[in-house]
Amino acid sequence: MNSIVARLMQVRERIELAALKAKREPEDIALLAVSKTFPASAIEEAMHGGQSAFGENYVQEAVEKIQALAKLRPWLEWHFIGPLQSNKTRDVAEHFDWVHSVDRLKIAERLSAQRGEFPNLPDLQLCVQVNVSEEDSKSGIPLNEVEALCTAVSKLPHVVLRGLMAIPAPSDDPKLQGQAFATVRECFAGILAAHASEPGYQFFDTLSMGMSEDLEAAILEGSTMVRVGSAIFGKRDKINP
């Protein structure tokens, strides 16, 4: 049996084993199923396996799926995890619950203002993306700019600063994986120590890091949310909607 539900169970087992190795509680680590490029029917199948949080990278594709699954919206949590352009922020502000890829103040300000146009929606949850490996091809901001952006985001209305997200450079070496994740964790801890008493930081509790290939290393270094796609949905075609 190699269904989405079966693979979900396997991923949850990996999370549990990694958590126990790290002397952490498995329930403290959220699983975000990355459903980009997969159809709405795959999301429905994952829901049968108890999954409710889904991550998407492409705005238009995601909005189509969100609308196709509108009847299930009360049971679904939608996370935008891809690079976000200014001309796409309105759709994200209207349709998503979380954004993991805030890498400049302009994007956060637009999300804040546009979320405010939907008074029936709760505040939008935001993570600041860190370019921990300093790759030119990756989104995110350098480590030395993270704290200032977090503080600016924390002061905006209609959004909530939740934490940091990172996608380190790919590596098959668990030691190198762990070093990158540890750097993000230390950055997170430093920001929290400096600002914990400030109003905009009361929900600063999320480290979104770790994917199919490296979730164990991420959990060992403190990840609170892993973003897993291929290990749940299978190999995806390399398309860019």
C-alpha atoms as a PDB file:
ATOM      1  CA  MET A   1       0.000   0.000   0.000  1.00  0.00           C
ATOM      2  CA  ASN A   2       1.544   3.277  -1.094  1.00  0.00           C
ATOM      3  CA  SER A   3      -1.318   5.744  -0.785  1.00  0.00           C
ATOM      4  CA  ILE A   4      -1.114   9.320   0.414  1.00  0.00           C
ATOM      5  CA  VAL A   5      -2.627   8.239   3.730  1.00  0.00           C
ATOM      6  CA  ALA A   6      -0.014   5.501   4.133  1.00  0.00           C
ATOM      7  CA  ARG A   7       2.817   7.913   3.348  1.00  0.00           C
ATOM      8  CA  LEU A   8       1.361  10.412   5.814  1.00  0.00           C
ATOM      9  CA  MET A   9       1.575   7.744   8.507  1.00  0.00           C
ATOM     10  CA  GLN A  10       5.198   7.065   7.579  1.00  0.00           C
ATOM     11  CA  VAL A  11       6.089  10.759   7.813  1.00  0.00           C
ATOM     12  CA  ARG A  12       4.390  11.057  11.198  1.00  0.00           C
ATOM     13  CA  GLU A  13       6.411   8.077  12.387  1.00  0.00           C
ATOM     14  CA  ARG A  14       9.593   9.813  11.244  1.00  0.00           C
ATOM     15  CA  ILE A  15       8.562  12.955  13.135  1.00  0.00           C
ATOM     16  CA  GLU A  16       7.832  10.953  16.267  1.00  0.00           C
ATOM     17  CA  LEU A  17      11.144   9.095  16.167  1.00  0.00           C
ATOM     18  CA  ALA A  18      13.094  12.314  15.527  1.00  0.00           C
ATOM     19  CA  ALA A  19      11.290  14.051  18.376  1.00  0.00           C
ATOM     20  CA  LEU A  20      12.031  11.239  20.792  1.00  0.00           C
ATOM     21  CA  LYS A  21      15.688  11.298  19.751  1.00  0.00           C
ATOM     22  CA  ALA A  22      15.733  15.036  20.467  1.00  0.00           C
ATOM     23  CA  LYS A  23      13.959  14.451  23.805  1.00  0.00           C
ATOM     24  CA  ARG A  24      10.986  16.485  22.596  1.00  0.00           C
ATOM     25  CA  GLU A  25       7.265  15.840  22.512  1.00  0.00           C
ATOM     26  CA  PRO A  26       6.112  14.769  19.004  1.00  0.00           C
ATOM     27  CA  GLU A  27       2.922  16.819  19.343  1.00  0.00           C
ATOM     28  CA  ASP A  28       5.055  19.969  19.610  1.00  0.00           C
ATOM     29  CA  ILE A  29       6.036  19.590  15.944  1.00  0.00           C
ATOM     30  CA  ALA A  30       3.390  20.479  13.350  1.00  0.00           C
ATOM     31  CA  LEU A  31       3.278  18.789   9.971  1.00  0.00           C
ATOM     32  CA  LEU A  32       2.616  21.006   6.950  1.00  0.00           C
ATOM     33  CA  ALA A  33       1.778  18.945   3.854  1.00  0.00           C
ATOM     34  CA  VAL A  34       3.195  20.732   0.814  1.00  0.00           C
ATOM     35  CA  SER A  35       0.605  20.182  -1.885  1.00  0.00           C
ATOM     36  CA  LYS A  36       2.012  22.432  -4.638  1.00  0.00           C
ATOM     37  CA  THR A  37       1.488  20.995  -8.159  1.00  0.00           C
ATOM     38  CA  PHE A  38      -0.856  18.302  -6.821  1.00  0.00           C
ATOM     39  CA  PRO A  39      -4.615  18.444  -7.447  1.00  0.00           C
ATOM     40  CA  ALA A  40      -7.369  19.211  -4.975  1.00  0.00           C
ATOM     41  CA  SER A  41      -8.226  15.504  -4.951  1.00  0.00           C
ATOM     42  CA  ALA A  42      -4.820  14.741  -3.383  1.00  0.00           C
ATOM     43  CA  ILE A  43      -5.548  17.238  -0.620  1.00  0.00           C
ATOM     44  CA  GLU A  44      -8.898  15.573   0.016  1.00  0.00           C
ATOM     45  CA  GLU A  45      -7.155  12.214   0.259  1.00  0.00           C
ATOM     46  CA  ALA A  46      -4.669  13.618   2.781  1.00  0.00           C
ATOM     47  CA  MET A  47      -7.584  14.977   4.787  1.00  0.00           C
ATOM     48  CA  HIS A  48      -8.854  11.400   5.110  1.00  0.00           C
ATOM     49  CA  GLY A  49      -5.562  10.719   6.840  1.00  0.00           C
ATOM     50  CA  GLY A  50      -6.206  13.474   9.360  1.00  0.00           C
ATOM     51  CA  GLN A  51      -4.136  16.203   7.685  1.00  0.00           C
ATOM     52  CA  SER A  52      -5.531  19.741   7.804  1.00  0.00           C
ATOM     53  CA  ALA A  53      -2.586  22.109   7.145  1.00  0.00           C
ATOM     54  CA  PHE A  54      -1.378  22.468   3.555  1.00  0.00           C
ATOM     55  CA  GLY A  55       1.430  24.507   2.003  1.00  0.00           C
ATOM     56  CA  GLU A  56       1.391  26.071  -1.459  1.00  0.00           C
ATOM     57  CA  ASN A  57       4.057  27.904  -3.478  1.00  0.00           C
ATOM     58  CA  TYR A  58       2.170  29.343  -6.443  1.00  0.00           C
ATOM     59  CA  VAL A  59      -0.590  31.857  -5.833  1.00  0.00           C
ATOM     60  CA  GLN A  60      -2.854  31.233  -8.809  1.00  0.00           C
ATOM     61  CA  GLU A  61      -2.686  27.442  -8.495  1.00  0.00           C
ATOM     62  CA  ALA A  62      -3.338  27.662  -4.766  1.00  0.00           C
ATOM     63  CA  VAL A  63      -6.319  29.991  -5.046  1.00  0.00           C
ATOM     64  CA  GLU A  64      -7.918  27.645  -7.572  1.00  0.00           C
ATOM     65  CA  LYS A  65      -7.564  24.741  -5.137  1.00  0.00           C
ATOM     66  CA  ILE A  66      -8.784  26.795  -2.178  1.00  0.00           C
ATOM     67  CA  GLN A  67     -11.872  27.742  -4.153  1.00  0.00           C
ATOM     68  CA  ALA A  68     -12.411  24.159  -5.352  1.00  0.00           C
ATOM     69  CA  LEU A  69     -12.330  23.015  -1.723  1.00  0.00           C
ATOM     70  CA  ALA A  70     -14.398  25.923  -0.402  1.00  0.00           C
ATOM     71  CA  LYS A  71     -16.898  23.628   1.315  1.00  0.00           C
ATOM     72  CA  LEU A  72     -14.064  22.157   3.380  1.00  0.00           C
ATOM     73  CA  ARG A  73     -12.536  25.533   4.262  1.00  0.00           C
ATOM     74  CA  PRO A  74     -13.483  25.419   7.986  1.00  0.00           C
ATOM     75  CA  TRP A  75     -11.337  22.295   8.389  1.00  0.00           C
ATOM     76  CA  LEU A  76      -8.385  23.473   6.317  1.00  0.00           C
ATOM     77  CA  GLU A  77      -5.407  25.701   7.135  1.00  0.00           C
ATOM     78  CA  TRP A  78      -3.625  27.203   4.134  1.00  0.00           C
ATOM     79  CA  HIS A  79       0.033  28.254   4.298  1.00  0.00           C
ATOM     80  CA  PHE A  80       1.790  30.215   1.565  1.00  0.00           C
ATOM     81  CA  ILE A  81       5.446  29.149   1.543  1.00  0.00           C
ATOM     82  CA  GLY A  82       6.818  30.360  -1.805  1.00  0.00           C
ATOM     83  CA  PRO A  83       8.443  33.616  -2.914  1.00  0.00           C
ATOM     84  CA  LEU A  84       5.841  36.358  -2.900  1.00  0.00           C
ATOM     85  CA  GLN A  85       5.714  39.232  -5.373  1.00  0.00           C
ATOM     86  CA  SER A  86       3.985  42.503  -4.581  1.00  0.00           C
ATOM     87  CA  ASN A  87       1.344  42.021  -7.267  1.00  0.00           C
ATOM     88  CA  LYS A  88       0.261  38.718  -5.665  1.00  0.00           C
ATOM     89  CA  THR A  89      -0.155  39.854  -2.072  1.00  0.00           C
ATOM     90  CA  ARG A  90      -3.880  40.645  -2.313  1.00  0.00           C
ATOM     91  CA  ASP A  91      -4.837  37.079  -3.215  1.00  0.00           C
ATOM     92  CA  VAL A  92      -2.636  35.757  -0.416  1.00  0.00           C
ATOM     93  CA  ALA A  93      -4.090  38.216   2.103  1.00  0.00           C
ATOM     94  CA  GLU A  94      -7.604  37.155   1.139  1.00  0.00           C
ATOM     95  CA  HIS A  95      -7.198  33.382   0.984  1.00  0.00           C
ATOM     96  CA  PHE A  96      -4.395  32.200   3.264  1.00  0.00           C
ATOM     97  CA  ASP A  97      -3.997  31.712   7.010  1.00  0.00           C
ATOM     98  CA  TRP A  98      -0.178  31.828   7.139  1.00  0.00           C
ATOM     99  CA  VAL A  99       2.669  33.265   5.059  1.00  0.00           C
ATOM    100  CA  HIS A 100       6.128  31.785   5.700  1.00  0.00           C
ATOM    101  CA  SER A 101       8.089  33.743   3.113  1.00  0.00           C
ATOM    102  CA  VAL A 102       8.138  37.368   4.262  1.00  0.00           C
ATOM    103  CA  ASP A 103      11.562  38.662   3.239  1.00  0.00           C
ATOM    104  CA  ARG A 104      11.054  42.426   3.034  1.00  0.00           C
ATOM    105  CA  LEU A 105       8.994  45.009   4.845  1.00  0.00           C
ATOM    106  CA  LYS A 106       7.093  46.081   1.728  1.00  0.00           C
ATOM    107  CA  ILE A 107       5.523  42.630   1.417  1.00  0.00           C
ATOM    108  CA  ALA A 108       4.536  42.588   5.088  1.00  0.00           C
ATOM    109  CA  GLU A 109       3.027  46.071   4.832  1.00  0.00           C
ATOM    110  CA  ARG A 110       0.966  45.114   1.799  1.00  0.00           C
ATOM    111  CA  LEU A 111      -0.269  41.930   3.479  1.00  0.00           C
ATOM    112  CA  SER A 112      -1.169  43.930   6.577  1.00  0.00           C
ATOM    113  CA  ALA A 113      -3.117  46.597   4.682  1.00  0.00           C
ATOM    114  CA  GLN A 114      -4.884  44.127   2.406  1.00  0.00           C
ATOM    115  CA  ARG A 115      -5.801  41.725   5.210  1.00  0.00           C
ATOM    116  CA  GLY A 116      -7.440  44.691   6.908  1.00  0.00           C
ATOM    117  CA  GLU A 117      -9.861  44.900   3.982  1.00  0.00           C
ATOM    118  CA  PHE A 118     -11.413  41.606   5.137  1.00  0.00           C
ATOM    119  CA  PRO A 119     -12.716  42.328   8.660  1.00  0.00           C
ATOM    120  CA  ASN A 120     -14.351  38.911   8.844  1.00  0.00           C
ATOM    121  CA  LEU A 121     -10.943  37.200   8.661  1.00  0.00           C
ATOM    122  CA  PRO A 122      -8.607  36.667  11.622  1.00  0.00           C
ATOM    123  CA  ASP A 123      -5.139  38.188  11.610  1.00  0.00           C
ATOM    124  CA  LEU A 124      -2.725  36.705   9.072  1.00  0.00           C
ATOM    125  CA  GLN A 125       0.125  34.706  10.648  1.00  0.00           C
ATOM    126  CA  LEU A 126       3.588  35.650   9.315  1.00  0.00           C
ATOM    127  CA  CYS A 127       7.061  34.141   9.426  1.00  0.00           C
ATOM    128  CA  VAL A 128      10.195  35.943   8.287  1.00  0.00           C
ATOM    129  CA  GLN A 129      12.283  33.914   5.850  1.00  0.00           C
ATOM    130  CA  VAL A 130      15.998  33.664   6.599  1.00  0.00           C
ATOM    131  CA  ASN A 131      18.535  33.010   3.832  1.00  0.00           C
ATOM    132  CA  VAL A 132      20.715  31.030   6.221  1.00  0.00           C
ATOM    133  CA  SER A 133      23.017  29.601   3.532  1.00  0.00           C
ATOM    134  CA  GLU A 134      23.391  32.998   1.794  1.00  0.00           C
ATOM    135  CA  GLU A 135      22.446  31.565  -1.593  1.00  0.00           C
ATOM    136  CA  ASP A 136      21.847  34.124  -4.344  1.00  0.00           C
ATOM    137  CA  SER A 137      19.109  31.924  -5.795  1.00  0.00           C
ATOM    138  CA  LYS A 138      17.153  31.701  -2.540  1.00  0.00           C
ATOM    139  CA  SER A 139      14.620  34.105  -1.102  1.00  0.00           C
ATOM    140  CA  GLY A 140      15.035  35.336   2.443  1.00  0.00           C
ATOM    141  CA  ILE A 141      17.097  37.946   4.189  1.00  0.00           C
ATOM    142  CA  PRO A 142      20.595  37.746   5.708  1.00  0.00           C
ATOM    143  CA  LEU A 143      20.891  36.816   9.360  1.00  0.00           C
ATOM    144  CA  ASN A 144      22.058  40.293  10.349  1.00  0.00           C
ATOM    145  CA  GLU A 145      18.821  41.837   9.030  1.00  0.00           C
ATOM    146  CA  VAL A 146      16.338  39.382  10.535  1.00  0.00           C
ATOM    147  CA  GLU A 147      15.805  41.066  13.892  1.00  0.00           C
ATOM    148  CA  ALA A 148      15.084  44.490  12.408  1.00  0.00           C
ATOM    149  CA  LEU A 149      12.530  43.065   9.974  1.00  0.00           C
ATOM    150  CA  CYS A 150      10.863  41.049  12.730  1.00  0.00           C
ATOM    151  CA  THR A 151      10.504  44.146  14.882  1.00  0.00           C
ATOM    152  CA  ALA A 152       8.993  46.132  12.007  1.00  0.00           C
ATOM    153  CA  VAL A 153       6.548  43.317  11.205  1.00  0.00           C
ATOM    154  CA  SER A 154       5.583  42.983  14.873  1.00  0.00           C
ATOM    155  CA  LYS A 155       4.165  46.515  14.829  1.00  0.00           C
ATOM    156  CA  LEU A 156       1.817  46.027  11.854  1.00  0.00           C
ATOM    157  CA  PRO A 157      -1.962  45.612  12.259  1.00  0.00           C
ATOM    158  CA  HIS A 158      -3.966  42.649  10.937  1.00  0.00           C
ATOM    159  CA  VAL A 159      -0.922  40.371  10.975  1.00  0.00           C
ATOM    160  CA  VAL A 160       0.833  38.392  13.718  1.00  0.00           C
ATOM    161  CA  LEU A 161       4.579  37.758  13.821  1.00  0.00           C
ATOM    162  CA  ARG A 162       4.933  34.017  14.432  1.00  0.00           C
ATOM    163  CA  GLY A 163       8.579  33.166  13.853  1.00  0.00           C
ATOM    164  CA  LEU A 164      11.233  32.301  11.284  1.00  0.00           C
ATOM    165  CA  MET A 165      11.376  30.088   8.198  1.00  0.00           C
ATOM    166  CA  ALA A 166      14.462  28.758   6.439  1.00  0.00           C
ATOM    167  CA  ILE A 167      15.422  26.529   3.513  1.00  0.00           C
ATOM    168  CA  PRO A 168      19.130  25.716   3.894  1.00  0.00           C
ATOM    169  CA  ALA A 169      21.252  24.675   0.931  1.00  0.00           C
ATOM    170  CA  PRO A 170      20.627  20.987   0.111  1.00  0.00           C
ATOM    171  CA  SER A 171      23.057  18.578   1.730  1.00  0.00           C
ATOM    172  CA  ASP A 172      23.222  14.822   2.295  1.00  0.00           C
ATOM    173  CA  ASP A 173      25.399  15.368   5.361  1.00  0.00           C
ATOM    174  CA  PRO A 174      23.274  15.406   8.547  1.00  0.00           C
ATOM    175  CA  LYS A 175      26.012  17.383  10.294  1.00  0.00           C
ATOM    176  CA  LEU A 176      25.875  20.191   7.721  1.00  0.00           C
ATOM    177  CA  GLN A 177      22.075  20.089   7.779  1.00  0.00           C
ATOM    178  CA  GLY A 178      22.139  20.443  11.540  1.00  0.00           C
ATOM    179  CA  GLN A 179      24.577  23.347  11.495  1.00  0.00           C
ATOM    180  CA  ALA A 180      22.308  25.411   9.258  1.00  0.00           C
ATOM    181  CA  PHE A 181      19.239  24.670  11.348  1.00  0.00           C
ATOM    182  CA  ALA A 182      21.139  25.434  14.553  1.00  0.00           C
ATOM    183  CA  THR A 183      22.101  28.838  13.165  1.00  0.00           C
ATOM    184  CA  VAL A 184      18.429  29.682  12.557  1.00  0.00           C
ATOM    185  CA  ARG A 185      17.469  28.393  16.012  1.00  0.00           C
ATOM    186  CA  GLU A 186      20.125  30.571  17.644  1.00  0.00           C
ATOM    187  CA  CYS A 187      18.881  33.585  15.685  1.00  0.00           C
ATOM    188  CA  PHE A 188      15.321  32.835  16.803  1.00  0.00           C
ATOM    189  CA  ALA A 189      16.385  32.433  20.445  1.00  0.00           C
ATOM    190  CA  GLY A 190      18.345  35.679  20.384  1.00  0.00           C
ATOM    191  CA  ILE A 191      15.406  37.645  19.008  1.00  0.00           C
ATOM    192  CA  LEU A 192      13.032  36.108  21.520  1.00  0.00           C
ATOM    193  CA  ALA A 193      15.375  36.865  24.413  1.00  0.00           C
ATOM    194  CA  ALA A 194      15.652  40.500  23.351  1.00  0.00           C
ATOM    195  CA  HIS A 195      11.976  41.132  22.638  1.00  0.00           C
ATOM    196  CA  ALA A 196       9.874  38.602  24.555  1.00  0.00           C
ATOM    197  CA  SER A 197       8.220  41.264  26.693  1.00  0.00           C
ATOM    198  CA  GLU A 198       7.154  43.393  23.724  1.00  0.00           C
ATOM    199  CA  PRO A 199       3.494  43.210  22.575  1.00  0.00           C
ATOM    200  CA  GLY A 200       4.195  42.163  19.005  1.00  0.00           C
ATOM    201  CA  TYR A 201       6.196  39.134  20.081  1.00  0.00           C
ATOM    202  CA  GLN A 202       3.690  37.326  22.296  1.00  0.00           C
ATOM    203  CA  PHE A 203       3.090  34.665  19.619  1.00  0.00           C
ATOM    204  CA  PHE A 204       6.672  34.415  18.356  1.00  0.00           C
ATOM    205  CA  ASP A 205       6.899  30.634  18.708  1.00  0.00           C
ATOM    206  CA  THR A 206       7.454  29.067  15.290  1.00  0.00           C
ATOM    207  CA  LEU A 207      10.547  27.657  13.601  1.00  0.00           C
ATOM    208  CA  SER A 208       9.423  26.531  10.153  1.00  0.00           C
ATOM    209  CA  MET A 209      12.281  24.392   8.910  1.00  0.00           C
ATOM    210  CA  GLY A 210      12.856  20.896   7.625  1.00  0.00           C
ATOM    211  CA  MET A 211      11.512  19.121   4.535  1.00  0.00           C
ATOM    212  CA  SER A 212      11.241  15.558   3.235  1.00  0.00           C
ATOM    213  CA  GLU A 213      15.006  15.014   3.058  1.00  0.00           C
ATOM    214  CA  ASP A 214      16.128  16.722   6.257  1.00  0.00           C
ATOM    215  CA  LEU A 215      13.237  16.860   8.723  1.00  0.00           C
ATOM    216  CA  GLU A 216      15.111  14.743  11.278  1.00  0.00           C
ATOM    217  CA  ALA A 217      18.022  17.207  11.431  1.00  0.00           C
ATOM    218  CA  ALA A 218      15.579  20.125  11.676  1.00  0.00           C
ATOM    219  CA  ILE A 219      13.634  18.554  14.552  1.00  0.00           C
ATOM    220  CA  LEU A 220      16.869  17.820  16.386  1.00  0.00           C
ATOM    221  CA  GLU A 221      17.670  21.554  16.190  1.00  0.00           C
ATOM    222  CA  GLY A 222      14.273  22.783  17.391  1.00  0.00           C
ATOM    223  CA  SER A 223      11.941  22.963  14.384  1.00  0.00           C
ATOM    224  CA  THR A 224       8.309  23.381  15.399  1.00  0.00           C
ATOM    225  CA  MET A 225       6.894  22.925  11.882  1.00  0.00           C
ATOM    226  CA  VAL A 226       8.205  20.721   9.087  1.00  0.00           C
ATOM    227  CA  ARG A 227       7.129  21.260   5.473  1.00  0.00           C
ATOM    228  CA  VAL A 228       6.855  17.893   3.726  1.00  0.00           C
ATOM    229  CA  GLY A 229       5.750  17.393   0.132  1.00  0.00           C
ATOM    230  CA  SER A 230       7.226  14.516  -1.874  1.00  0.00           C
ATOM    231  CA  ALA A 231       7.355  12.115   1.080  1.00  0.00           C
ATOM    232  CA  ILE A 232       3.564  12.498   1.346  1.00  0.00           C
ATOM    233  CA  PHE A 233       2.299  13.119  -2.173  1.00  0.00           C
ATOM    234  CA  GLY A 234       5.025  11.383  -4.167  1.00  0.00           C
ATOM    235  CA  LYS A 235       7.400  12.681  -6.816  1.00  0.00           C
ATOM    236  CA  ARG A 236       6.173  15.863  -8.454  1.00  0.00           C
ATOM    237  CA  ASP A 237       6.635  17.014 -12.003  1.00  0.00           C
ATOM    238  CA  LYS A 238       8.976  19.984 -12.227  1.00  0.00           C
ATOM    239  CA  ILE A 239       6.590  22.656 -13.362  1.00  0.00           C
ATOM    240  CA  ASN A 240       6.336  26.305 -12.489  1.00  0.00           C
ATOM    241  CA  PRO A 241       2.758  27.559 -12.878  1.00  0.00           C
END
